[in-house]
Protein backbone atom coordinates (compact mmCIF):
# COMPACT_ATOMS: atom_id res chain seq x y z
CA MET A 1 14.05 18.12 1.96
CA ASN A 2 17.67 17.15 2.50
CA GLU A 3 17.09 14.33 4.98
CA LEU A 4 19.43 11.36 4.92
CA ARG A 5 17.57 8.32 3.68
CA ALA A 6 19.82 5.47 4.70
CA GLU A 7 17.20 2.72 4.93
CA ARG A 8 15.60 0.96 2.00
CA LEU A 9 12.15 -0.56 2.45
CA GLN A 10 10.84 -3.06 -0.06
CA VAL A 11 7.08 -3.63 -0.18
CA MET A 12 5.09 -6.11 -2.23
CA LEU A 13 1.74 -4.76 -3.48
CA SER A 14 -1.23 -6.36 -5.15
CA PRO A 15 -2.26 -4.95 -8.53
CA GLU A 16 -5.17 -3.16 -6.81
CA GLU A 17 -2.90 -1.62 -4.18
CA LEU A 18 -0.46 -0.45 -6.85
CA ALA A 19 -3.33 1.10 -8.86
CA ALA A 20 -4.55 2.91 -5.72
CA LEU A 21 -1.02 4.19 -5.04
CA ASP A 22 -0.61 5.41 -8.61
CA ASP A 23 -4.06 7.06 -8.53
CA PHE A 24 -3.06 8.92 -5.35
CA ARG A 25 0.30 9.85 -6.86
CA PHE A 26 -1.14 11.30 -10.07
CA LYS A 27 -4.08 13.01 -8.35
CA HIS A 28 -1.65 14.82 -6.06
CA ARG A 29 0.98 15.37 -8.77
CA MET A 30 3.70 13.53 -6.86
CA PRO A 31 6.95 12.99 -8.77
CA THR A 32 7.54 9.34 -7.78
CA ARG A 33 5.86 6.35 -6.17
CA ALA A 34 8.33 6.69 -3.29
CA ALA A 35 7.15 10.27 -2.68
CA ALA A 36 3.54 9.09 -2.70
CA VAL A 37 4.33 6.30 -0.22
CA ARG A 38 6.10 8.77 2.09
CA GLU A 39 3.13 11.15 1.91
CA LEU A 40 0.68 8.34 2.66
CA LEU A 41 2.83 7.24 5.60
CA LYS A 42 2.87 10.79 6.92
CA LEU A 43 -0.92 11.03 6.58
CA GLY A 44 -1.46 7.65 8.21
CA LEU A 45 0.90 8.29 11.09
CA SER A 46 -0.64 11.69 11.79
CA GLY A 47 -4.08 10.06 12.08
CA SER A 48 -5.31 7.89 14.90
CA GLY A 49 -2.97 5.05 13.86
CA VAL A 50 -3.17 1.31 14.37
CA ILE A 51 -1.85 -0.32 17.52
CA ALA A 52 -0.18 -3.64 16.70
CA THR A 53 -0.95 -6.45 19.09
CA VAL A 54 0.60 -9.85 19.68
CA GLY A 55 -0.44 -12.41 17.08
CA VAL A 56 -1.29 -9.89 14.34
CA LYS A 57 0.22 -10.77 10.95
CA SER A 58 1.46 -8.22 8.44
CA SER A 59 -1.08 -9.60 5.95
CA ASP A 60 -3.82 -8.29 8.28
CA TYR A 61 -2.80 -4.76 7.29
CA GLY A 62 -3.48 -4.82 3.53
CA VAL A 63 -5.17 -1.96 1.76
CA PHE A 64 -7.84 -4.24 0.31
CA ASP A 65 -9.55 -7.16 2.03
CA ARG A 66 -8.41 -10.32 0.25
CA GLY A 67 -10.39 -12.87 2.25
CA PRO A 68 -9.02 -15.98 3.97
CA ASP A 69 -7.23 -17.31 0.86
CA GLY A 70 -5.41 -14.08 0.04
CA HIS A 71 -4.42 -13.66 -3.59
CA THR A 72 -4.96 -16.51 -5.97
CA GLN A 73 -3.42 -17.11 -9.36
CA THR A 74 -6.64 -15.88 -11.03
CA ASP A 75 -6.27 -12.51 -9.27
CA LEU A 76 -3.12 -11.77 -11.27
CA GLY A 77 -4.92 -11.76 -14.61
CA SER A 78 -7.76 -9.44 -13.64
CA GLY A 79 -7.63 -5.70 -13.88
CA ALA A 80 -7.88 -3.38 -10.88
CA GLY A 81 -11.40 -3.24 -9.55
CA GLU A 82 -12.75 -6.07 -11.69
CA GLU A 83 -14.46 -9.03 -10.13
CA ASN A 84 -14.19 -12.56 -11.47
């Protein structure tokens, strides 16, 4: 793939989202996290997709449901998949 990649996209992930990304990456023997993200984007875009509507926040599109308070300071110390 010799496509020009002129745009950089920075994404913040929760520890659980990063663990899920790494699990996908290693399961599918992908060389980098960026390659795994591109593959997941391709898979997601080829599916039925999500239609964004007015008033929808980017936080509504997380991989894991975080509840109304989102992440709290105590979330940072727990491991992926653990409940406090």
